[in-house]
C-alpha atoms as a PDB file:
ATOM      1  CA  UNK A   1       0.000   0.000   0.000  1.00  0.00           C
ATOM      2  CA  UNK A   2       2.862   2.344   0.855  1.00  0.00           C
ATOM      3  CA  UNK A   3       4.499   1.807  -2.550  1.00  0.00           C
ATOM      4  CA  UNK A   4       1.107   2.204  -4.249  1.00  0.00           C
ATOM      5  CA  UNK A   5       0.555   5.569  -2.545  1.00  0.00           C
ATOM      6  CA  UNK A   6       4.054   6.702  -3.489  1.00  0.00           C
ATOM      7  CA  UNK A   7       3.425   5.792  -7.133  1.00  0.00           C
ATOM      8  CA  UNK A   8       0.100   7.671  -7.126  1.00  0.00           C
ATOM      9  CA  UNK A   9       1.732  10.750  -5.596  1.00  0.00           C
ATOM     10  CA  UNK A  10       4.561  10.554  -8.131  1.00  0.00           C
ATOM     11  CA  UNK A  11       2.123  10.375 -11.051  1.00  0.00           C
ATOM     12  CA  UNK A  12       0.091  13.248  -9.583  1.00  0.00           C
ATOM     13  CA  UNK A  13       3.263  15.337  -9.245  1.00  0.00           C
ATOM     14  CA  UNK A  14       4.227  14.638 -12.873  1.00  0.00           C
ATOM     15  CA  UNK A  15       0.735  15.596 -14.046  1.00  0.00           C
ATOM     16  CA  UNK A  16       0.751  18.882 -12.117  1.00  0.00           C
ATOM     17  CA  UNK A  17       4.227  19.696 -13.457  1.00  0.00           C
ATOM     18  CA  UNK A  18       3.126  18.973 -17.030  1.00  0.00           C
ATOM     19  CA  UNK A  19       0.079  21.218 -16.683  1.00  0.00           C
ATOM     20  CA  UNK A  20       2.026  24.047 -15.093  1.00  0.00           C
ATOM     21  CA  UNK A  21       4.747  23.850 -17.755  1.00  0.00           C
ATOM     22  CA  UNK A  22       2.381  23.597 -20.738  1.00  0.00           C
ATOM     23  CA  UNK A  23       2.483  26.679 -22.964  1.00  0.00           C
ATOM     24  CA  UNK A  24      -0.351  29.167 -22.469  1.00  0.00           C
ATOM     25  CA  UNK A  25      -2.150  30.555 -25.480  1.00  0.00           C
ATOM     26  CA  UNK A  26      -2.322  34.335 -25.352  1.00  0.00           C
ATOM     27  CA  UNK A  27      -5.822  35.720 -25.955  1.00  0.00           C
ATOM     28  CA  UNK A  28      -6.009  39.103 -27.696  1.00  0.00           C
ATOM     29  CA  UNK A  29      -9.242  41.054 -28.238  1.00  0.00           C
ATOM     30  CA  UNK A  30      -9.956  42.703 -31.598  1.00  0.00           C
ATOM     31  CA  UNK A  31     -11.741  46.037 -31.945  1.00  0.00           C
ATOM     32  CA  UNK A  32     -13.930  47.360 -34.731  1.00  0.00           C
ATOM     33  CA  UNK A  33     -11.906  49.390 -37.260  1.00  0.00           C
ATOM     34  CA  UNK A  34     -14.486  49.894 -40.028  1.00  0.00           C
ATOM     35  CA  UNK A  35     -18.126  48.860 -39.937  1.00  0.00           C
ATOM     36  CA  UNK A  36     -19.249  47.139 -43.127  1.00  0.00           C
ATOM     37  CA  UNK A  37     -21.571  44.384 -44.320  1.00  0.00           C
ATOM     38  CA  UNK A  38     -19.249  42.601 -46.730  1.00  0.00           C
ATOM     39  CA  UNK A  39     -20.573  39.312 -48.017  1.00  0.00           C
ATOM     40  CA  UNK A  40     -17.019  37.964 -48.108  1.00  0.00           C
ATOM     41  CA  UNK A  41     -14.459  40.459 -46.800  1.00  0.00           C
ATOM     42  CA  UNK A  42     -11.143  39.086 -48.065  1.00  0.00           C
ATOM     43  CA  UNK A  43      -7.696  39.866 -49.446  1.00  0.00           C
ATOM     44  CA  UNK A  44      -6.490  42.370 -46.824  1.00  0.00           C
ATOM     45  CA  UNK A  45      -3.037  43.822 -47.514  1.00  0.00           C
ATOM     46  CA  UNK A  46      -1.172  46.924 -46.311  1.00  0.00           C
ATOM     47  CA  UNK A  47       0.034  49.098 -49.183  1.00  0.00           C
ATOM     48  CA  UNK A  48       3.593  50.298 -48.390  1.00  0.00           C
ATOM     49  CA  UNK A  49       3.348  53.145 -50.926  1.00  0.00           C
ATOM     50  CA  UNK A  50       0.038  54.647 -49.835  1.00  0.00           C
ATOM     51  CA  UNK A  51       0.122  53.574 -46.153  1.00  0.00           C
ATOM     52  CA  UNK A  52      -3.436  52.300 -46.422  1.00  0.00           C
ATOM     53  CA  UNK A  53      -5.203  48.965 -46.140  1.00  0.00           C
ATOM     54  CA  UNK A  54      -6.685  47.405 -49.271  1.00  0.00           C
ATOM     55  CA  UNK A  55      -9.288  44.663 -49.028  1.00  0.00           C
ATOM     56  CA  UNK A  56     -12.091  43.227 -51.156  1.00  0.00           C
ATOM     57  CA  UNK A  57     -15.644  41.967 -50.972  1.00  0.00           C
ATOM     58  CA  UNK A  58     -15.613  39.005 -53.355  1.00  0.00           C
ATOM     59  CA  UNK A  59     -19.334  38.618 -54.020  1.00  0.00           C
ATOM     60  CA  UNK A  60     -19.827  42.365 -53.672  1.00  0.00           C
ATOM     61  CA  UNK A  61     -17.382  42.794 -56.597  1.00  0.00           C
ATOM     62  CA  UNK A  62     -15.778  45.727 -54.768  1.00  0.00           C
ATOM     63  CA  UNK A  63     -12.240  46.856 -53.965  1.00  0.00           C
ATOM     64  CA  UNK A  64     -11.837  48.940 -50.795  1.00  0.00           C
ATOM     65  CA  UNK A  65      -9.059  51.204 -49.560  1.00  0.00           C
ATOM     66  CA  UNK A  66      -9.220  51.904 -45.823  1.00  0.00           C
ATOM     67  CA  UNK A  67      -7.568  55.088 -44.540  1.00  0.00           C
ATOM     68  CA  UNK A  68      -6.672  54.681 -40.838  1.00  0.00           C
ATOM     69  CA  UNK A  69      -6.319  58.440 -40.320  1.00  0.00           C
ATOM     70  CA  UNK A  70      -9.893  59.184 -41.371  1.00  0.00           C
ATOM     71  CA  UNK A  71     -11.338  55.718 -40.695  1.00  0.00           C
ATOM     72  CA  UNK A  72     -13.074  55.844 -44.069  1.00  0.00           C
ATOM     73  CA  UNK A  73     -12.978  53.671 -47.186  1.00  0.00           C
ATOM     74  CA  UNK A  74     -12.714  54.530 -50.853  1.00  0.00           C
ATOM     75  CA  UNK A  75     -14.159  51.913 -53.181  1.00  0.00           C
ATOM     76  CA  UNK A  76     -14.083  50.703 -56.792  1.00  0.00           C
ATOM     77  CA  UNK A  77     -16.831  48.495 -58.244  1.00  0.00           C
ATOM     78  CA  UNK A  78     -16.198  45.858 -60.933  1.00  0.00           C
ATOM     79  CA  UNK A  79     -18.295  43.734 -63.265  1.00  0.00           C
ATOM     80  CA  UNK A  80     -17.025  40.441 -61.847  1.00  0.00           C
ATOM     81  CA  UNK A  81     -15.990  38.950 -58.524  1.00  0.00           C
ATOM     82  CA  UNK A  82     -12.720  40.317 -57.128  1.00  0.00           C
ATOM     83  CA  UNK A  83     -10.702  38.150 -54.756  1.00  0.00           C
ATOM     84  CA  UNK A  84      -7.156  39.512 -54.427  1.00  0.00           C
ATOM     85  CA  UNK A  85      -5.308  42.820 -54.418  1.00  0.00           C
ATOM     86  CA  UNK A  86      -1.536  43.435 -54.272  1.00  0.00           C
ATOM     87  CA  UNK A  87       0.463  46.688 -54.414  1.00  0.00           C
ATOM     88  CA  UNK A  88       2.394  47.777 -57.480  1.00  0.00           C
ATOM     89  CA  UNK A  89       3.096  51.530 -57.204  1.00  0.00           C
ATOM     90  CA  UNK A  90       1.811  54.637 -55.433  1.00  0.00           C
ATOM     91  CA  UNK A  91      -0.938  54.944 -58.056  1.00  0.00           C
ATOM     92  CA  UNK A  92      -1.673  51.362 -59.162  1.00  0.00           C
ATOM     93  CA  UNK A  93      -2.609  48.001 -57.684  1.00  0.00           C
ATOM     94  CA  UNK A  94      -2.974  44.569 -59.262  1.00  0.00           C
ATOM     95  CA  UNK A  95      -6.207  42.681 -58.665  1.00  0.00           C
ATOM     96  CA  UNK A  96      -7.565  39.237 -59.419  1.00  0.00           C
ATOM     97  CA  UNK A  97     -10.998  39.338 -60.987  1.00  0.00           C
ATOM     98  CA  UNK A  98     -13.012  36.191 -61.510  1.00  0.00           C
ATOM     99  CA  UNK A  99     -10.942  35.025 -64.490  1.00  0.00           C
ATOM    100  CA  UNK A 100      -8.346  37.724 -65.116  1.00  0.00           C
ATOM    101  CA  UNK A 101      -5.423  39.578 -63.531  1.00  0.00           C
ATOM    102  CA  UNK A 102      -5.923  43.311 -63.983  1.00  0.00           C
ATOM    103  CA  UNK A 103      -4.012  46.529 -63.250  1.00  0.00           C
ATOM    104  CA  UNK A 104      -6.101  49.307 -61.661  1.00  0.00           C
ATOM    105  CA  UNK A 105      -5.206  52.986 -61.919  1.00  0.00           C
ATOM    106  CA  UNK A 106      -6.406  54.304 -58.568  1.00  0.00           C
ATOM    107  CA  UNK A 107      -6.631  57.892 -59.784  1.00  0.00           C
ATOM    108  CA  UNK A 108      -9.259  57.297 -62.440  1.00  0.00           C
ATOM    109  CA  UNK A 109     -10.307  53.658 -61.941  1.00  0.00           C
ATOM    110  CA  UNK A 110      -9.144  52.636 -65.420  1.00  0.00           C
ATOM    111  CA  UNK A 111      -8.079  49.008 -65.839  1.00  0.00           C
ATOM    112  CA  UNK A 112      -5.686  47.174 -68.134  1.00  0.00           C
ATOM    113  CA  UNK A 113      -5.390  43.427 -68.506  1.00  0.00           C
ATOM    114  CA  UNK A 114      -2.238  41.674 -67.272  1.00  0.00           C
ATOM    115  CA  UNK A 115      -3.164  38.038 -67.912  1.00  0.00           C
ATOM    116  CA  UNK A 116      -6.249  35.819 -68.306  1.00  0.00           C
ATOM    117  CA  UNK A 117      -6.720  33.010 -65.775  1.00  0.00           C
ATOM    118  CA  UNK A 118      -8.309  29.741 -67.014  1.00  0.00           C
ATOM    119  CA  UNK A 119     -11.856  29.482 -65.659  1.00  0.00           C
ATOM    120  CA  UNK A 120     -12.658  26.043 -67.124  1.00  0.00           C
ATOM    121  CA  UNK A 121     -15.769  27.255 -68.976  1.00  0.00           C
ATOM    122  CA  UNK A 122     -16.928  29.330 -66.004  1.00  0.00           C
ATOM    123  CA  UNK A 123     -16.650  26.509 -63.476  1.00  0.00           C
ATOM    124  CA  UNK A 124     -13.824  28.045 -61.395  1.00  0.00           C
ATOM    125  CA  UNK A 125     -12.814  31.501 -60.211  1.00  0.00           C
ATOM    126  CA  UNK A 126      -9.773  33.193 -58.734  1.00  0.00           C
ATOM    127  CA  UNK A 127      -9.454  33.208 -54.959  1.00  0.00           C
ATOM    128  CA  UNK A 128      -6.586  34.261 -52.684  1.00  0.00           C
ATOM    129  CA  UNK A 129      -3.065  35.246 -53.729  1.00  0.00           C
ATOM    130  CA  UNK A 130       0.043  37.324 -53.000  1.00  0.00           C
ATOM    131  CA  UNK A 131       3.338  38.352 -54.573  1.00  0.00           C
ATOM    132  CA  UNK A 132       6.486  36.428 -53.724  1.00  0.00           C
ATOM    133  CA  UNK A 133       9.784  38.151 -52.785  1.00  0.00           C
ATOM    134  CA  UNK A 134      10.725  38.450 -56.465  1.00  0.00           C
ATOM    135  CA  UNK A 135       7.515  40.218 -57.483  1.00  0.00           C
ATOM    136  CA  UNK A 136       5.695  37.283 -59.064  1.00  0.00           C
ATOM    137  CA  UNK A 137       1.961  37.053 -58.347  1.00  0.00           C
ATOM    138  CA  UNK A 138       0.808  33.677 -57.036  1.00  0.00           C
ATOM    139  CA  UNK A 139      -2.933  33.308 -57.515  1.00  0.00           C
ATOM    140  CA  UNK A 140      -5.092  30.311 -56.716  1.00  0.00           C
ATOM    141  CA  UNK A 141      -8.486  29.228 -57.994  1.00  0.00           C
ATOM    142  CA  UNK A 142     -11.440  27.249 -56.667  1.00  0.00           C
ATOM    143  CA  UNK A 143     -14.522  25.737 -58.217  1.00  0.00           C
ATOM    144  CA  UNK A 144     -17.968  27.227 -57.645  1.00  0.00           C
ATOM    145  CA  UNK A 145     -19.437  25.190 -54.816  1.00  0.00           C
ATOM    146  CA  UNK A 146     -15.874  24.104 -53.898  1.00  0.00           C
ATOM    147  CA  UNK A 147     -15.774  20.666 -55.590  1.00  0.00           C
ATOM    148  CA  UNK A 148     -12.732  18.712 -54.457  1.00  0.00           C
ATOM    149  CA  UNK A 149      -9.581  19.194 -56.536  1.00  0.00           C
ATOM    150  CA  UNK A 150     -11.073  21.688 -59.004  1.00  0.00           C
ATOM    151  CA  UNK A 151      -8.605  24.476 -58.188  1.00  0.00           C
ATOM    152  CA  UNK A 152      -5.091  25.344 -59.310  1.00  0.00           C
ATOM    153  CA  UNK A 153      -2.266  27.522 -57.974  1.00  0.00           C
ATOM    154  CA  UNK A 154      -0.721  29.689 -60.713  1.00  0.00           C
ATOM    155  CA  UNK A 155       2.234  32.050 -60.868  1.00  0.00           C
ATOM    156  CA  UNK A 156       1.931  35.209 -62.996  1.00  0.00           C
ATOM    157  CA  UNK A 157       4.978  37.176 -64.160  1.00  0.00           C
ATOM    158  CA  UNK A 158       4.895  40.934 -64.831  1.00  0.00           C
ATOM    159  CA  UNK A 159       4.962  40.257 -68.584  1.00  0.00           C
ATOM    160  CA  UNK A 160       1.768  38.192 -68.289  1.00  0.00           C
ATOM    161  CA  UNK A 161       3.415  34.768 -68.527  1.00  0.00           C
ATOM    162  CA  UNK A 162       1.518  32.160 -66.469  1.00  0.00           C
ATOM    163  CA  UNK A 163       2.837  28.888 -65.049  1.00  0.00           C
ATOM    164  CA  UNK A 164       1.077  26.181 -63.027  1.00  0.00           C
ATOM    165  CA  UNK A 165       2.533  25.467 -59.574  1.00  0.00           C
ATOM    166  CA  UNK A 166       0.002  23.150 -57.910  1.00  0.00           C
ATOM    167  CA  UNK A 167      -2.960  21.224 -59.270  1.00  0.00           C
ATOM    168  CA  UNK A 168      -6.003  19.532 -57.732  1.00  0.00           C
ATOM    169  CA  UNK A 169      -6.383  21.949 -54.839  1.00  0.00           C
ATOM    170  CA  UNK A 170      -9.883  22.605 -53.547  1.00  0.00           C
ATOM    171  CA  UNK A 171      -9.950  26.119 -52.040  1.00  0.00           C
ATOM    172  CA  UNK A 172      -6.629  27.832 -52.735  1.00  0.00           C
ATOM    173  CA  UNK A 173      -6.047  30.295 -49.919  1.00  0.00           C
ATOM    174  CA  UNK A 174      -3.415  31.963 -47.667  1.00  0.00           C
ATOM    175  CA  UNK A 175       0.158  32.068 -48.956  1.00  0.00           C
ATOM    176  CA  UNK A 176       3.330  33.630 -47.473  1.00  0.00           C
ATOM    177  CA  UNK A 177       7.130  33.412 -47.723  1.00  0.00           C
ATOM    178  CA  UNK A 178       9.798  33.484 -45.014  1.00  0.00           C
ATOM    179  CA  UNK A 179      12.242  36.373 -44.698  1.00  0.00           C
ATOM    180  CA  UNK A 180      15.184  34.193 -45.781  1.00  0.00           C
ATOM    181  CA  UNK A 181      13.260  33.203 -48.955  1.00  0.00           C
ATOM    182  CA  UNK A 182      13.743  29.515 -48.214  1.00  0.00           C
ATOM    183  CA  UNK A 183      10.160  28.469 -47.490  1.00  0.00           C
ATOM    184  CA  UNK A 184       6.609  29.126 -48.642  1.00  0.00           C
ATOM    185  CA  UNK A 185       3.531  28.325 -46.529  1.00  0.00           C
ATOM    186  CA  UNK A 186       0.196  27.613 -48.168  1.00  0.00           C
ATOM    187  CA  UNK A 187      -3.402  26.810 -47.216  1.00  0.00           C
ATOM    188  CA  UNK A 188      -5.771  24.548 -49.097  1.00  0.00           C
ATOM    189  CA  UNK A 189      -8.669  25.323 -46.785  1.00  0.00           C
ATOM    190  CA  UNK A 190     -10.568  21.984 -46.527  1.00  0.00           C
ATOM    191  CA  UNK A 191      -7.391  20.117 -45.509  1.00  0.00           C
ATOM    192  CA  UNK A 192      -7.311  21.908 -42.149  1.00  0.00           C
ATOM    193  CA  UNK A 193      -3.531  22.068 -42.485  1.00  0.00           C
ATOM    194  CA  UNK A 194      -0.809  24.558 -43.400  1.00  0.00           C
ATOM    195  CA  UNK A 195       1.658  23.057 -45.859  1.00  0.00           C
ATOM    196  CA  UNK A 196       5.325  24.027 -46.097  1.00  0.00           C
ATOM    197  CA  UNK A 197       7.223  24.115 -49.408  1.00  0.00           C
ATOM    198  CA  UNK A 198      10.871  24.678 -50.155  1.00  0.00           C
ATOM    199  CA  UNK A 199      11.077  27.768 -52.339  1.00  0.00           C
ATOM    200  CA  UNK A 200      13.694  28.796 -54.902  1.00  0.00           C
ATOM    201  CA  UNK A 201      13.597  32.588 -55.354  1.00  0.00           C
ATOM    202  CA  UNK A 202      15.610  32.422 -58.580  1.00  0.00           C
ATOM    203  CA  UNK A 203      13.035  30.502 -60.597  1.00  0.00           C
ATOM    204  CA  UNK A 204      10.005  30.229 -58.304  1.00  0.00           C
ATOM    205  CA  UNK A 205      10.194  26.438 -58.060  1.00  0.00           C
ATOM    206  CA  UNK A 206       8.592  24.839 -54.991  1.00  0.00           C
ATOM    207  CA  UNK A 207       8.929  21.408 -53.382  1.00  0.00           C
ATOM    208  CA  UNK A 208       6.570  20.005 -50.737  1.00  0.00           C
ATOM    209  CA  UNK A 209       8.375  19.846 -47.382  1.00  0.00           C
ATOM    210  CA  UNK A 210       5.687  18.572 -45.040  1.00  0.00           C
ATOM    211  CA  UNK A 211       2.876  19.876 -42.877  1.00  0.00           C
ATOM    212  CA  UNK A 212       3.858  22.856 -40.737  1.00  0.00           C
ATOM    213  CA  UNK A 213       0.629  23.154 -38.748  1.00  0.00           C
ATOM    214  CA  UNK A 214      -2.303  20.814 -38.193  1.00  0.00           C
ATOM    215  CA  UNK A 215      -5.081  23.103 -36.996  1.00  0.00           C
ATOM    216  CA  UNK A 216      -6.602  22.229 -33.612  1.00  0.00           C
ATOM    217  CA  UNK A 217      -9.989  20.555 -33.910  1.00  0.00           C
ATOM    218  CA  UNK A 218     -12.935  22.894 -33.532  1.00  0.00           C
ATOM    219  CA  UNK A 219     -11.050  26.069 -34.473  1.00  0.00           C
ATOM    220  CA  UNK A 220     -12.360  26.457 -38.006  1.00  0.00           C
ATOM    221  CA  UNK A 221     -10.555  26.128 -41.338  1.00  0.00           C
ATOM    222  CA  UNK A 222      -7.443  27.990 -42.564  1.00  0.00           C
ATOM    223  CA  UNK A 223      -8.272  30.949 -44.793  1.00  0.00           C
ATOM    224  CA  UNK A 224      -6.130  34.049 -45.404  1.00  0.00           C
ATOM    225  CA  UNK A 225      -2.720  34.223 -43.752  1.00  0.00           C
ATOM    226  CA  UNK A 226       0.111  36.639 -43.007  1.00  0.00           C
ATOM    227  CA  UNK A 227       3.591  36.286 -41.526  1.00  0.00           C
ATOM    228  CA  UNK A 228       5.393  38.409 -38.937  1.00  0.00           C
ATOM    229  CA  UNK A 229       9.039  39.404 -38.494  1.00  0.00           C
ATOM    230  CA  UNK A 230       9.688  36.257 -36.421  1.00  0.00           C
ATOM    231  CA  UNK A 231       8.279  34.000 -39.165  1.00  0.00           C
ATOM    232  CA  UNK A 232       5.222  33.197 -37.043  1.00  0.00           C
ATOM    233  CA  UNK A 233       2.057  32.566 -39.036  1.00  0.00           C
ATOM    234  CA  UNK A 234      -1.146  34.508 -38.344  1.00  0.00           C
ATOM    235  CA  UNK A 235      -4.059  32.589 -39.824  1.00  0.00           C
ATOM    236  CA  UNK A 236      -7.638  33.780 -40.300  1.00  0.00           C
ATOM    237  CA  UNK A 237      -9.795  30.757 -39.556  1.00  0.00           C
ATOM    238  CA  UNK A 238     -13.191  30.498 -41.207  1.00  0.00           C
ATOM    239  CA  UNK A 239     -15.677  29.351 -38.582  1.00  0.00           C
ATOM    240  CA  UNK A 240     -13.059  29.868 -35.877  1.00  0.00           C
ATOM    241  CA  UNK A 241     -14.056  33.304 -34.534  1.00  0.00           C
ATOM    242  CA  UNK A 242     -10.555  34.640 -34.796  1.00  0.00           C
ATOM    243  CA  UNK A 243      -7.007  34.815 -36.077  1.00  0.00           C
ATOM    244  CA  UNK A 244      -4.633  32.193 -34.701  1.00  0.00           C
ATOM    245  CA  UNK A 245      -0.852  32.567 -34.406  1.00  0.00           C
ATOM    246  CA  UNK A 246       1.387  29.514 -34.885  1.00  0.00           C
ATOM    247  CA  UNK A 247       5.074  28.713 -34.721  1.00  0.00           C
ATOM    248  CA  UNK A 248       5.485  26.870 -38.048  1.00  0.00           C
ATOM    249  CA  UNK A 249       8.680  25.141 -36.894  1.00  0.00           C
ATOM    250  CA  UNK A 250       6.943  23.402 -33.971  1.00  0.00           C
ATOM    251  CA  UNK A 251       3.287  23.616 -34.977  1.00  0.00           C
ATOM    252  CA  UNK A 252       2.558  25.209 -31.593  1.00  0.00           C
ATOM    253  CA  UNK A 253      -0.412  27.549 -31.150  1.00  0.00           C
ATOM    254  CA  UNK A 254       0.924  30.742 -29.586  1.00  0.00           C
ATOM    255  CA  UNK A 255      -1.986  33.179 -29.556  1.00  0.00           C
ATOM    256  CA  UNK A 256      -5.551  33.772 -30.640  1.00  0.00           C
ATOM    257  CA  UNK A 257      -7.129  37.083 -31.610  1.00  0.00           C
ATOM    258  CA  UNK A 258     -10.788  36.937 -30.632  1.00  0.00           C
ATOM    259  CA  UNK A 259     -13.050  38.440 -33.306  1.00  0.00           C
ATOM    260  CA  UNK A 260     -16.820  38.992 -32.804  1.00  0.00           C
ATOM    261  CA  UNK A 261     -17.639  37.248 -36.072  1.00  0.00           C
ATOM    262  CA  UNK A 262     -17.674  33.505 -36.865  1.00  0.00           C
ATOM    263  CA  UNK A 263     -16.210  33.640 -40.374  1.00  0.00           C
ATOM    264  CA  UNK A 264     -12.826  35.346 -40.262  1.00  0.00           C
ATOM    265  CA  UNK A 265     -11.381  35.489 -43.764  1.00  0.00           C
ATOM    266  CA  UNK A 266      -8.083  37.396 -43.951  1.00  0.00           C
ATOM    267  CA  UNK A 267      -5.523  39.351 -41.946  1.00  0.00           C
ATOM    268  CA  UNK A 268      -2.612  41.703 -42.617  1.00  0.00           C
ATOM    269  CA  UNK A 269      -0.137  43.683 -40.550  1.00  0.00           C
ATOM    270  CA  UNK A 270      -0.062  47.419 -41.187  1.00  0.00           C
ATOM    271  CA  UNK A 271       0.335  50.864 -39.701  1.00  0.00           C
ATOM    272  CA  UNK A 272       3.411  53.083 -39.503  1.00  0.00           C
ATOM    273  CA  UNK A 273       5.218  50.553 -37.313  1.00  0.00           C
ATOM    274  CA  UNK A 274       3.632  47.486 -38.960  1.00  0.00           C
ATOM    275  CA  UNK A 275       2.355  46.488 -35.534  1.00  0.00           C
ATOM    276  CA  UNK A 276      -1.407  46.657 -36.172  1.00  0.00           C
ATOM    277  CA  UNK A 277      -3.147  43.500 -37.324  1.00  0.00           C
ATOM    278  CA  UNK A 278      -6.124  44.193 -39.582  1.00  0.00           C
ATOM    279  CA  UNK A 279      -8.763  41.495 -39.968  1.00  0.00           C
ATOM    280  CA  UNK A 280     -11.588  41.075 -42.482  1.00  0.00           C
ATOM    281  CA  UNK A 281     -14.735  39.023 -41.923  1.00  0.00           C
ATOM    282  CA  UNK A 282     -17.684  37.679 -43.887  1.00  0.00           C
ATOM    283  CA  UNK A 283     -21.451  37.473 -43.630  1.00  0.00           C
ATOM    284  CA  UNK A 284     -21.572  34.625 -46.147  1.00  0.00           C
ATOM    285  CA  UNK A 285     -22.637  31.284 -44.734  1.00  0.00           C
ATOM    286  CA  UNK A 286     -24.219  32.726 -41.583  1.00  0.00           C
ATOM    287  CA  UNK A 287     -27.764  32.010 -40.481  1.00  0.00           C
ATOM    288  CA  UNK A 288     -30.195  34.772 -39.522  1.00  0.00           C
ATOM    289  CA  UNK A 289     -29.668  33.818 -35.891  1.00  0.00           C
ATOM    290  CA  UNK A 290     -25.889  34.118 -36.243  1.00  0.00           C
ATOM    291  CA  UNK A 291     -26.231  37.503 -37.947  1.00  0.00           C
ATOM    292  CA  UNK A 292     -28.362  38.741 -35.060  1.00  0.00           C
ATOM    293  CA  UNK A 293     -25.812  37.434 -32.558  1.00  0.00           C
ATOM    294  CA  UNK A 294     -22.802  38.756 -34.517  1.00  0.00           C
ATOM    295  CA  UNK A 295     -24.109  41.887 -36.272  1.00  0.00           C
ATOM    296  CA  UNK A 296     -20.614  43.195 -37.043  1.00  0.00           C
ATOM    297  CA  UNK A 297     -19.879  40.260 -39.339  1.00  0.00           C
ATOM    298  CA  UNK A 298     -18.584  41.632 -42.638  1.00  0.00           C
ATOM    299  CA  UNK A 299     -16.652  44.438 -40.918  1.00  0.00           C
ATOM    300  CA  UNK A 300     -12.929  45.130 -40.582  1.00  0.00           C
ATOM    301  CA  UNK A 301     -11.330  44.697 -37.158  1.00  0.00           C
ATOM    302  CA  UNK A 302      -7.894  45.474 -35.740  1.00  0.00           C
ATOM    303  CA  UNK A 303      -5.634  44.885 -32.751  1.00  0.00           C
ATOM    304  CA  UNK A 304      -2.019  45.310 -31.643  1.00  0.00           C
ATOM    305  CA  UNK A 305      -0.904  41.757 -30.843  1.00  0.00           C
ATOM    306  CA  UNK A 306       2.669  42.564 -29.798  1.00  0.00           C
ATOM    307  CA  UNK A 307       4.180  41.404 -33.085  1.00  0.00           C
ATOM    308  CA  UNK A 308       5.377  43.239 -36.173  1.00  0.00           C
ATOM    309  CA  UNK A 309       4.637  42.343 -39.747  1.00  0.00           C
ATOM    310  CA  UNK A 310       6.800  42.675 -42.836  1.00  0.00           C
ATOM    311  CA  UNK A 311       6.199  44.867 -45.857  1.00  0.00           C
ATOM    312  CA  UNK A 312       4.044  43.327 -48.571  1.00  0.00           C
ATOM    313  CA  UNK A 313       5.839  42.267 -51.733  1.00  0.00           C
ATOM    314  CA  UNK A 314       4.899  44.369 -54.763  1.00  0.00           C
ATOM    315  CA  UNK A 315       4.085  43.106 -58.242  1.00  0.00           C
ATOM    316  CA  UNK A 316       7.193  43.319 -60.374  1.00  0.00           C
ATOM    317  CA  UNK A 317       9.188  44.408 -57.292  1.00  0.00           C
END
């Protein structure tokens, strides 16, 4: 009996030690930055030239530019869905319309085509994308209704040349590169995982290098994503009520930004010190009851999570 009690006490001591030493997830509240009713608020990115936040409403076919100083948005309406925006100069941005990459002159709203994107007879559309460190635009597609494997990840050069990087993806989403240009992280949303690829900046070649993060059960699905100066990943999680921060080298969850909206779609660091995290949300997919409970769904939120982002890569660099 004595030895039995000693063993029980030993096991209890080990359990208490394990609990006390387990890493704590930091919880960070988000505040409303701009009230909106976006059907699918996506594609947030901080423009280093204009010091403003660009974002889109996909189904609303609208590009927005948020000015933190005035807390107002300028907008541009298009004839098709718009899913991605990346900076190019102090007067132009590059956007992904439903089936085309387009340059937008922000002064007069005029557009010029950069490259068509295959839409498979109208069955797929562009989704998320970003520029890599060498100024190439990586843009992914997804099928309407999200049929499995209908999407593709493309790479678009400034001269309009297109190459295929990944095939048979379902919902091509968040994509980022590390500061040392050695790795690329990528989300195919339904997998619930963040994949890591070896990346060659010289030619843009990638090679699958394993799963960096397997999202915790019950936290939603990986959507848009950004990276901070420590190479930590900040992931907007659809159905997860927040943005989650992970260490991609260990897979450890470090922090969660609580957002008063179920469907969190994208995030981007911005501000003069690149220490403000901006977050877009969506009303799509919510029931009437959820919309009553979370009336700010579709708005833009922000917080200062104690991390700093890195400047967005521009098209053509």
